[in-house]
Amino acid sequence: MNLLLIGVLLAIMAIAYQIGLSKSRNLAGKGSNSANLHSRPGYYGALVALWCGIPAFLILIVWNMVEPSFLEQVVLKHLPENVSASLDSASLSVVIDRVQALASGFGVSDTPAAYEVAAAEQLAKFSTIGTFAKLAVVISAALAGLVWAKKHISQEFRARNQVEKMINIGLALCSGVAILTTLGIVMSMFGEAMRFFSFVSPLDFFFGTEWNPGFSTSGSAEGSYGLLPLLWGTLMVSGIALLVAVPVGLMIAIYLAEYASPRFRSWAKPTIEVLAGIPTIVYGVFALMIIGPFLKSMGALVGLEINATSALTAGLVMGIMIIPFVSSLSDDIITQVPRALRDGSLGLGATKSETIRQVVLPAALPGIIGAFLLAASRAIGETMIVVLAAGNSPQLHANPLEAVSTVTITIVNQLTGDTDFASPQALVAFALGLTLFVITLGLNIVALIIVRKYREQYD
């Protein structure tokens, strides 16, 4: 029903736009000539459409938010008092769900009680009335907005100012949604992390060298919750990935920007960027099935014992995955260096390679460093590759040929299966997530500071 109502509102807004457009053109006096109007006719049509649609959509949103609570109260009102008084909150919620299922026509798996059937009949009646009332109120609001806006159309009316003001408000609201979503995520993680620290000391968590959480039914924190093995594994895998991605990506960027022909560049750059669109689970399977066994067999040939699932395996494949981030960003930055700097260096007798090393790269260095830090943030937050290829061994060691565990692996493990979210064994995942968020946020902030502080502005 909501989709049908939205479609009707969009149709009314389209009609309102045409009405406002037609009236503004008539006010102009000469067809589409708007010389006598403050704004162009299209702004008047857009204003009428906005006044027609915005109030109606707001009413629809508020109605849909309030309606479930109202219908729940209808169900509670029509349940027998002895039934509602004898049930706890969880059982009462189950009864409400059963009544709603009966009212919607889906039914329940067993035979419903007589009071459930009676309450479902009343709920269906109120739902029908509410549907028609919502339809009438929303459409009436749309028509009222249309009439009001049409009445205010005149030659002196500043329609363009009003439309642009509404657009600015809409853009600000969209930005606010993004900011509030981020704040909501951070606050939810922070709250659950504080609950975890009520079980485990922050000093033991941040400076502990052993990760061995114990699972108990008492809700107490048993075992060890040291972060350092996980953090070291994360940094080791990310470091290997950057050792692969940074030089390869930078060399690709230099070649595409300075040496490749336009024809080769036109298809080579999109082809490389396809790597960024491959799902990370595919990279994980590739590391587990191909790269890991290959490294193990190569190690056996030279007398090294390399685990198929290790920091090296995960780091190599992760490095391949983030090559497009480094190459694409670095290429865009290098191509923004003015041609005049290159010509001046070549005119003074420098070779092409000397020009790249001594002129182009220093000029583009702040942006390139920012690209490296953004790639590091991407590597630190990666999940599926390390879940499948790192080995999940939370041990504090410096051997990249052995299995390790990372923060993201542990978050997946702690939240997988039948989990009690009031226990420290599950709450630790929020503390790990908050730690990972702070690390990646810090890297992004450093990257932005470097780019803004050292960026050259070229004409």
Protein backbone atom coordinates (compact mmCIF):
# COMPACT_ATOMS: atom_id res chain seq x y z
CA MET A 1 0.00 0.00 0.00
CA ASN A 2 2.85 2.38 0.80
CA LEU A 3 4.40 1.84 -2.63
CA LEU A 4 1.05 2.56 -4.30
CA LEU A 5 0.65 5.71 -2.22
CA ILE A 6 4.17 6.88 -3.10
CA GLY A 7 3.40 6.31 -6.77
CA VAL A 8 0.22 8.37 -6.46
CA LEU A 9 2.13 11.18 -4.74
CA LEU A 10 4.77 11.21 -7.47
CA ALA A 11 2.03 11.41 -10.10
CA ILE A 12 0.39 14.31 -8.25
CA MET A 13 3.76 16.08 -8.01
CA ALA A 14 4.25 15.69 -11.76
CA ILE A 15 0.82 17.21 -12.37
CA ALA A 16 1.62 20.00 -9.88
CA TYR A 17 4.83 20.80 -11.74
CA GLN A 18 2.94 21.19 -15.00
CA ILE A 19 0.30 23.37 -13.32
CA GLY A 20 2.92 25.70 -11.84
CA LEU A 21 4.83 25.80 -15.13
CA SER A 22 1.70 26.63 -17.09
CA LYS A 23 0.55 29.39 -14.73
CA SER A 24 4.00 31.04 -14.63
CA ARG A 25 4.17 31.06 -18.43
CA ASN A 26 0.76 32.65 -18.60
CA LEU A 27 1.90 35.32 -16.14
CA ALA A 28 4.87 36.07 -18.38
CA GLY A 29 2.47 37.22 -21.05
CA LYS A 30 4.28 35.77 -24.07
CA GLY A 31 4.34 32.02 -23.88
CA SER A 32 7.68 30.80 -22.57
CA ASN A 33 9.14 34.32 -22.37
CA SER A 34 9.81 34.84 -18.66
CA ALA A 35 11.21 38.37 -18.86
CA ASN A 36 8.48 39.74 -16.57
CA LEU A 37 8.97 37.02 -13.92
CA HIS A 38 11.47 37.03 -11.08
CA SER A 39 12.42 33.40 -11.84
CA ARG A 40 12.27 31.11 -14.82
CA PRO A 41 9.01 29.15 -15.25
CA GLY A 42 10.68 25.87 -14.31
CA TYR A 43 11.35 27.17 -10.80
CA TYR A 44 7.67 27.95 -10.29
CA GLY A 45 6.73 24.46 -11.43
CA ALA A 46 9.36 22.91 -9.14
CA LEU A 47 8.14 25.02 -6.21
CA VAL A 48 4.54 23.89 -6.63
CA ALA A 49 5.70 20.25 -6.92
CA LEU A 50 7.82 20.54 -3.76
CA TRP A 51 5.05 22.13 -1.73
CA CYS A 52 2.77 19.42 -2.98
CA GLY A 53 5.06 16.50 -2.16
CA ILE A 54 7.16 17.42 0.88
CA PRO A 55 4.35 17.86 3.46
CA ALA A 56 2.60 14.74 2.16
CA PHE A 57 5.77 12.64 2.38
CA LEU A 58 6.50 13.91 5.90
CA ILE A 59 2.99 12.95 6.99
CA LEU A 60 3.45 9.52 5.40
CA ILE A 61 6.75 8.95 7.21
CA VAL A 62 5.37 10.02 10.60
CA TRP A 63 2.23 7.93 10.06
CA ASN A 64 4.26 4.81 9.27
CA MET A 65 6.38 5.37 12.38
CA VAL A 66 3.40 5.76 14.70
CA GLU A 67 1.09 3.16 13.15
CA PRO A 68 2.80 -0.03 14.50
CA SER A 69 2.63 1.23 18.09
CA PHE A 70 -1.01 2.19 17.65
CA LEU A 71 -1.94 -1.20 16.23
CA GLU A 72 -0.07 -2.92 19.05
CA GLN A 73 -2.17 -0.98 21.54
CA VAL A 74 -5.28 -2.08 19.65
CA VAL A 75 -4.25 -5.71 20.12
CA LEU A 76 -3.53 -5.22 23.82
CA LYS A 77 -6.87 -3.50 24.32
CA HIS A 78 -8.80 -6.41 22.81
CA LEU A 79 -6.99 -9.14 24.71
CA PRO A 80 -8.76 -10.46 27.85
CA GLU A 81 -7.42 -8.85 31.01
CA ASN A 82 -6.67 -12.18 32.65
CA VAL A 83 -4.56 -13.21 29.62
CA SER A 84 -2.54 -9.98 29.38
CA ALA A 85 -2.02 -9.92 33.17
CA SER A 86 -0.73 -13.51 33.30
CA LEU A 87 1.90 -13.09 30.56
CA ASP A 88 5.35 -11.58 30.86
CA SER A 89 6.67 -9.13 28.28
CA ALA A 90 8.27 -11.80 26.07
CA SER A 91 5.16 -14.01 26.01
CA LEU A 92 2.96 -10.99 25.39
CA SER A 93 5.11 -10.05 22.42
CA VAL A 94 4.65 -13.56 21.03
CA VAL A 95 0.86 -13.27 21.38
CA ILE A 96 0.90 -9.89 19.61
CA ASP A 97 2.91 -11.37 16.74
CA ARG A 98 0.43 -14.24 16.44
CA VAL A 99 -2.52 -11.84 16.35
CA GLN A 100 -0.83 -9.74 13.69
CA ALA A 101 -0.11 -12.85 11.64
CA LEU A 102 -3.76 -13.88 11.85
CA ALA A 103 -4.94 -10.38 10.92
CA SER A 104 -2.65 -10.27 7.90
CA GLY A 105 -4.00 -13.59 6.60
CA PHE A 106 -0.78 -15.60 6.96
CA GLY A 107 -2.09 -17.53 9.95
CA VAL A 108 -0.15 -19.46 12.59
CA SER A 109 1.23 -22.98 12.73
CA ASP A 110 -1.11 -24.23 15.47
CA THR A 111 -4.75 -23.68 16.31
CA PRO A 112 -5.25 -20.11 17.56
CA ALA A 113 -7.15 -19.38 20.72
CA ALA A 114 -10.57 -17.77 20.55
CA TYR A 115 -9.31 -14.49 22.05
CA GLU A 116 -6.52 -14.39 19.43
CA VAL A 117 -9.05 -14.74 16.61
CA ALA A 118 -11.26 -12.02 18.11
CA ALA A 119 -8.31 -9.67 18.56
CA ALA A 120 -7.15 -10.39 15.00
CA GLU A 121 -10.60 -9.46 13.64
CA GLN A 122 -10.49 -6.14 15.47
CA LEU A 123 -6.92 -5.53 14.35
CA ALA A 124 -7.85 -6.21 10.71
CA LYS A 125 -10.74 -3.77 10.99
CA PHE A 126 -8.56 -1.01 12.44
CA SER A 127 -5.85 -1.73 9.87
CA THR A 128 -8.32 -1.27 7.02
CA ILE A 129 -9.64 1.95 8.50
CA GLY A 130 -6.10 3.19 9.07
CA THR A 131 -5.12 2.42 5.47
CA PHE A 132 -7.97 4.43 4.01
CA ALA A 133 -7.41 7.24 6.53
CA LYS A 134 -3.72 7.40 5.62
CA LEU A 135 -4.59 7.50 1.93
CA ALA A 136 -7.09 10.31 2.46
CA VAL A 137 -4.88 12.40 4.74
CA VAL A 138 -1.75 12.13 2.61
CA ILE A 139 -3.51 12.89 -0.66
CA SER A 140 -5.41 15.76 0.97
CA ALA A 141 -2.14 17.23 2.22
CA ALA A 142 -0.66 16.95 -1.27
CA LEU A 143 -3.65 18.68 -2.87
CA ALA A 144 -3.65 21.37 -0.18
CA GLY A 145 0.01 22.08 -0.83
CA LEU A 146 -0.68 22.25 -4.56
CA VAL A 147 -3.49 24.78 -4.10
CA TRP A 148 -1.48 26.90 -1.64
CA ALA A 149 1.61 27.04 -3.82
CA LYS A 150 -0.36 27.77 -6.99
CA LYS A 151 -2.15 30.65 -5.26
CA HIS A 152 1.16 32.25 -4.30
CA ILE A 153 2.59 32.27 -7.82
CA SER A 154 3.05 35.84 -8.98
CA GLN A 155 5.49 37.86 -11.06
CA GLU A 156 7.31 39.12 -7.94
CA PHE A 157 7.41 35.80 -6.10
CA ARG A 158 11.03 34.60 -5.63
CA ALA A 159 10.51 31.01 -6.70
CA ARG A 160 14.16 30.38 -7.49
CA ASN A 161 15.23 31.46 -4.00
CA GLN A 162 12.65 29.20 -2.40
CA VAL A 163 13.57 26.18 -4.53
CA GLU A 164 17.30 26.61 -3.94
CA LYS A 165 16.68 27.03 -0.22
CA MET A 166 14.74 23.75 -0.13
CA ILE A 167 17.49 22.02 -2.10
CA ASN A 168 20.11 23.32 0.34
CA ILE A 169 18.05 22.05 3.26
CA GLY A 170 17.73 18.66 1.57
CA LEU A 171 21.48 18.45 0.96
CA ALA A 172 22.17 19.44 4.57
CA LEU A 173 19.79 16.75 5.80
CA CYS A 174 21.53 14.15 3.65
CA SER A 175 24.88 15.21 5.09
CA GLY A 176 23.39 15.07 8.56
CA VAL A 177 22.16 11.53 7.99
CA ALA A 178 25.68 10.42 7.08
CA ILE A 179 27.18 12.16 10.11
CA LEU A 180 24.52 10.89 12.50
CA THR A 181 24.91 7.35 11.15
CA THR A 182 28.63 7.48 11.88
CA LEU A 183 28.00 8.89 15.35
CA GLY A 184 25.39 6.21 15.99
CA ILE A 185 27.82 3.44 15.04
CA VAL A 186 30.55 4.91 17.22
CA MET A 187 28.29 5.45 20.21
CA SER A 188 26.80 1.95 19.99
CA MET A 189 30.29 0.42 19.88
CA PHE A 190 31.47 2.71 22.68
CA GLY A 191 28.57 1.76 24.94
CA GLU A 192 29.07 -1.97 24.47
CA ALA A 193 32.84 -1.58 24.84
CA MET A 194 32.32 0.12 28.20
CA ARG A 195 30.21 -2.84 29.29
CA PHE A 196 33.09 -5.13 28.32
CA PHE A 197 35.57 -3.05 30.33
CA SER A 198 33.35 -3.58 33.37
CA PHE A 199 34.41 -7.25 33.14
CA VAL A 200 38.01 -6.83 31.93
CA SER A 201 40.48 -4.12 32.90
CA PRO A 202 41.47 -1.80 30.01
CA LEU A 203 45.11 -2.28 30.98
CA ASP A 204 44.80 -6.06 30.66
CA PHE A 205 43.04 -5.64 27.31
CA PHE A 206 45.31 -3.08 25.63
CA PHE A 207 48.62 -4.37 27.01
CA GLY A 208 47.95 -8.07 27.42
CA THR A 209 50.15 -10.45 25.45
CA GLU A 210 47.89 -13.50 25.52
CA TRP A 211 44.57 -14.02 23.75
CA ASN A 212 42.69 -17.00 25.15
CA PRO A 213 39.11 -16.03 26.02
CA GLY A 214 37.25 -18.54 28.12
CA PHE A 215 33.59 -19.25 27.46
CA SER A 216 31.48 -19.62 30.55
CA THR A 217 27.79 -19.63 31.35
CA SER A 218 28.16 -17.46 34.46
CA GLY A 219 28.74 -14.25 32.52
CA SER A 220 32.13 -13.66 34.11
CA ALA A 221 35.31 -12.96 32.18
CA GLU A 222 37.40 -16.11 32.12
CA GLY A 223 40.66 -16.54 30.26
CA SER A 224 42.91 -13.87 28.76
CA TYR A 225 41.84 -10.93 26.59
CA GLY A 226 45.16 -9.44 25.51
CA LEU A 227 44.95 -7.27 22.39
CA LEU A 228 48.64 -7.21 21.43
CA PRO A 229 48.76 -10.59 19.57
CA LEU A 230 45.78 -9.55 17.46
CA LEU A 231 47.11 -6.06 16.86
CA TRP A 232 50.54 -7.39 15.90
CA GLY A 233 48.99 -9.89 13.49
CA THR A 234 46.94 -7.10 11.92
CA LEU A 235 50.00 -4.89 11.48
CA MET A 236 52.08 -7.77 10.11
CA VAL A 237 49.53 -8.73 7.45
CA SER A 238 48.90 -5.09 6.55
CA GLY A 239 52.63 -4.39 6.34
CA ILE A 240 53.16 -7.29 3.93
CA ALA A 241 50.22 -6.07 1.87
CA LEU A 242 51.68 -2.56 1.66
CA LEU A 243 55.11 -3.94 0.71
CA VAL A 244 53.36 -5.54 -2.26
CA ALA A 245 50.88 -2.82 -3.18
CA VAL A 246 52.93 0.37 -2.68
CA PRO A 247 55.86 -0.26 -5.06
CA VAL A 248 53.78 -2.11 -7.64
CA GLY A 249 50.95 0.42 -7.54
CA LEU A 250 53.32 3.38 -7.69
CA MET A 251 55.26 1.93 -10.63
CA ILE A 252 51.98 1.27 -12.45
CA ALA A 253 50.89 4.86 -11.80
CA ILE A 254 54.21 6.28 -13.06
CA TYR A 255 54.10 4.18 -16.21
CA LEU A 256 50.48 5.02 -17.01
CA ALA A 257 50.96 8.74 -16.33
CA GLU A 258 54.37 9.29 -17.93
CA TYR A 259 55.23 6.53 -20.39
CA ALA A 260 52.06 4.79 -21.64
CA SER A 261 50.39 5.91 -24.84
CA PRO A 262 46.87 7.32 -24.55
CA ARG A 263 45.46 4.26 -26.31
CA PHE A 264 47.16 1.83 -23.92
CA ARG A 265 46.20 3.94 -20.90
CA SER A 266 42.55 4.07 -21.99
CA TRP A 267 42.11 0.33 -21.48
CA ALA A 268 44.91 -0.55 -19.03
CA LYS A 269 43.73 1.71 -16.19
CA PRO A 270 40.11 0.43 -16.19
CA THR A 271 41.41 -3.13 -16.38
CA ILE A 272 43.56 -2.64 -13.28
CA GLU A 273 40.69 -0.98 -11.44
CA VAL A 274 38.56 -4.07 -12.03
CA LEU A 275 40.62 -5.67 -9.25
CA ALA A 276 38.99 -3.27 -6.79
CA GLY A 277 35.53 -4.51 -7.80
CA ILE A 278 36.20 -8.19 -7.14
CA PRO A 279 34.49 -9.33 -3.89
CA THR A 280 36.97 -9.92 -1.09
CA ILE A 281 35.59 -13.41 -0.49
CA VAL A 282 36.86 -14.30 -3.97
CA TYR A 283 40.32 -13.08 -2.99
CA GLY A 284 40.08 -15.15 0.18
CA VAL A 285 39.23 -18.31 -1.71
CA PHE A 286 42.02 -17.55 -4.19
CA ALA A 287 44.50 -17.21 -1.32
CA LEU A 288 43.29 -20.39 0.37
CA MET A 289 43.14 -22.59 -2.73
CA ILE A 290 45.96 -21.23 -4.92
CA ILE A 291 48.44 -18.91 -3.24
CA GLY A 292 48.73 -20.77 0.07
CA PRO A 293 49.52 -24.21 -1.43
CA PHE A 294 51.84 -22.55 -3.99
CA LEU A 295 53.87 -20.81 -1.29
CA LYS A 296 54.03 -24.00 0.75
CA SER A 297 55.39 -25.99 -2.21
CA MET A 298 57.88 -23.23 -3.08
CA GLY A 299 59.09 -23.18 0.51
CA ALA A 300 59.56 -26.94 0.48
CA LEU A 301 61.81 -26.61 -2.59
CA VAL A 302 64.21 -24.27 -0.78
CA GLY A 303 63.94 -25.93 2.62
CA LEU A 304 61.55 -23.46 4.28
CA GLU A 305 58.44 -24.50 6.17
CA ILE A 306 55.67 -22.16 5.05
CA ASN A 307 52.15 -22.70 6.27
CA ALA A 308 49.47 -22.62 3.59
CA THR A 309 47.53 -20.25 5.85
CA SER A 310 49.93 -17.62 7.11
CA ALA A 311 50.55 -13.91 7.36
CA LEU A 312 52.52 -14.09 4.13
CA THR A 313 49.65 -15.68 2.20
CA ALA A 314 47.08 -13.21 3.46
CA GLY A 315 49.42 -10.24 2.99
CA LEU A 316 50.33 -11.10 -0.61
CA VAL A 317 46.73 -11.49 -1.71
CA MET A 318 45.63 -8.40 0.20
CA GLY A 319 48.42 -6.47 -1.48
CA ILE A 320 47.12 -7.55 -4.88
CA MET A 321 43.66 -6.39 -3.85
CA ILE A 322 44.73 -2.88 -2.84
CA ILE A 323 47.03 -2.27 -5.84
CA PRO A 324 44.19 -0.41 -7.65
CA PHE A 325 43.76 1.95 -4.67
CA VAL A 326 47.43 2.93 -4.79
CA SER A 327 47.80 3.01 -8.58
CA SER A 328 44.58 4.87 -9.35
CA LEU A 329 44.99 7.54 -6.66
CA SER A 330 48.69 8.01 -7.43
CA ASP A 331 48.01 8.20 -11.16
CA ASP A 332 45.39 10.90 -10.67
CA ILE A 333 47.79 12.89 -8.49
CA ILE A 334 50.75 12.56 -10.86
CA THR A 335 48.71 13.65 -13.88
CA GLN A 336 47.67 16.81 -12.00
CA VAL A 337 51.28 18.04 -11.88
CA PRO A 338 51.44 20.86 -14.46
CA ARG A 339 53.07 20.17 -17.78
CA ALA A 340 55.12 23.34 -17.40
CA LEU A 341 57.20 21.74 -14.62
CA ARG A 342 58.06 18.81 -16.85
CA ASP A 343 58.89 21.05 -19.82
CA GLY A 344 61.07 23.29 -17.67
CA SER A 345 63.05 20.32 -16.36
CA LEU A 346 63.47 18.82 -19.82
CA GLY A 347 64.48 22.22 -21.19
CA LEU A 348 67.29 22.44 -18.63
CA GLY A 349 68.72 19.17 -19.93
CA ALA A 350 67.28 16.62 -17.54
CA THR A 351 66.27 13.23 -18.88
CA LYS A 352 62.73 11.95 -18.62
CA SER A 353 63.58 9.64 -15.73
CA GLU A 354 65.40 12.44 -13.90
CA THR A 355 62.40 14.70 -14.42
CA ILE A 356 60.10 12.08 -12.91
CA ARG A 357 62.37 11.45 -9.91
CA GLN A 358 63.35 15.03 -9.14
CA VAL A 359 60.36 17.10 -10.27
CA VAL A 360 57.15 15.13 -10.76
CA LEU A 361 57.32 12.80 -7.75
CA PRO A 362 58.35 15.52 -5.25
CA ALA A 363 55.51 17.70 -6.48
CA ALA A 364 53.02 14.83 -6.16
CA LEU A 365 54.54 13.33 -2.99
CA PRO A 366 51.97 14.63 -0.44
CA GLY A 367 49.08 13.19 -2.43
CA ILE A 368 50.93 9.92 -2.99
CA ILE A 369 51.59 9.58 0.76
CA GLY A 370 47.91 10.22 1.38
CA ALA A 371 47.09 7.45 -1.09
CA PHE A 372 49.44 5.09 0.78
CA LEU A 373 47.79 5.85 4.12
CA LEU A 374 44.30 5.32 2.69
CA ALA A 375 45.47 1.99 1.28
CA ALA A 376 46.83 1.10 4.74
CA SER A 377 43.42 1.84 6.26
CA ARG A 378 41.84 -0.45 3.68
CA ALA A 379 44.30 -3.22 4.51
CA ILE A 380 43.86 -2.93 8.29
CA GLY A 381 40.08 -3.22 8.01
CA GLU A 382 40.04 -6.18 5.61
CA THR A 383 38.15 -9.24 6.90
CA MET A 384 37.41 -12.05 4.47
CA ILE A 385 40.93 -12.53 3.13
CA VAL A 386 42.47 -12.85 6.59
CA VAL A 387 39.61 -15.04 7.82
CA LEU A 388 40.35 -17.59 5.11
CA ALA A 389 44.10 -17.18 4.60
CA ALA A 390 45.77 -15.95 7.81
CA GLY A 391 45.25 -19.11 9.86
CA ASN A 392 43.58 -17.74 13.02
CA SER A 393 46.44 -18.33 15.45
CA PRO A 394 46.52 -15.53 18.07
CA GLN A 395 50.19 -15.94 18.96
CA LEU A 396 52.67 -13.12 19.44
CA HIS A 397 55.53 -13.96 17.05
CA ALA A 398 57.46 -12.24 14.25
CA ASN A 399 57.51 -15.08 11.70
CA PRO A 400 55.36 -14.17 8.65
CA LEU A 401 55.53 -17.78 7.45
CA GLU A 402 53.33 -18.95 10.33
CA ALA A 403 49.66 -18.47 10.99
CA VAL A 404 48.48 -15.33 12.77
CA SER A 405 45.20 -13.84 13.88
CA THR A 406 43.97 -10.30 13.33
CA VAL A 407 41.44 -8.03 14.95
CA THR A 408 38.89 -8.61 12.20
CA ILE A 409 39.22 -12.40 12.41
CA THR A 410 38.57 -12.26 16.15
CA ILE A 411 35.50 -10.04 15.74
CA VAL A 412 34.03 -12.60 13.34
CA ASN A 413 34.84 -15.48 15.69
CA GLN A 414 33.39 -13.79 18.79
CA LEU A 415 30.11 -12.92 17.06
CA THR A 416 29.62 -16.23 15.22
CA GLY A 417 27.23 -18.87 16.51
CA ASP A 418 24.85 -18.86 19.44
CA THR A 419 26.12 -15.82 21.31
CA ASP A 420 25.00 -14.19 24.53
CA PHE A 421 25.49 -10.49 23.90
CA ALA A 422 25.56 -9.78 27.63
CA SER A 423 28.70 -11.86 28.16
CA PRO A 424 32.26 -10.53 27.91
CA GLN A 425 33.01 -13.18 25.29
CA ALA A 426 30.71 -11.33 22.86
CA LEU A 427 31.17 -7.79 24.17
CA VAL A 428 34.89 -7.98 23.44
CA ALA A 429 34.03 -7.79 19.74
CA PHE A 430 32.75 -4.24 20.26
CA ALA A 431 35.95 -3.24 22.07
CA LEU A 432 37.97 -4.69 19.18
CA GLY A 433 35.77 -2.91 16.64
CA LEU A 434 36.17 0.40 18.44
CA THR A 435 39.94 -0.06 18.54
CA LEU A 436 40.02 -0.82 14.82
CA PHE A 437 37.84 2.20 14.12
CA VAL A 438 40.19 4.50 16.05
CA ILE A 439 43.23 3.14 14.17
CA THR A 440 41.72 3.55 10.71
CA LEU A 441 40.27 6.95 11.62
CA GLY A 442 43.71 8.08 12.77
CA LEU A 443 45.30 6.97 9.51
CA ASN A 444 42.65 8.78 7.48
CA ILE A 445 43.10 11.96 9.52
CA VAL A 446 46.90 11.83 9.08
CA ALA A 447 46.43 11.33 5.33
CA LEU A 448 44.11 14.35 5.10
CA ILE A 449 46.46 16.50 7.15
CA ILE A 450 49.44 15.60 4.96
CA VAL A 451 47.53 16.27 1.75
CA ARG A 452 46.13 19.60 2.94
CA LYS A 453 49.36 20.84 4.49
CA TYR A 454 51.77 20.03 1.68
CA ARG A 455 49.52 20.14 -1.36
CA GLU A 456 50.64 22.56 -4.05
CA GLN A 457 48.00 24.66 -5.76
CA TYR A 458 48.74 24.86 -9.49
CA ASP A 459 47.12 27.24 -11.97
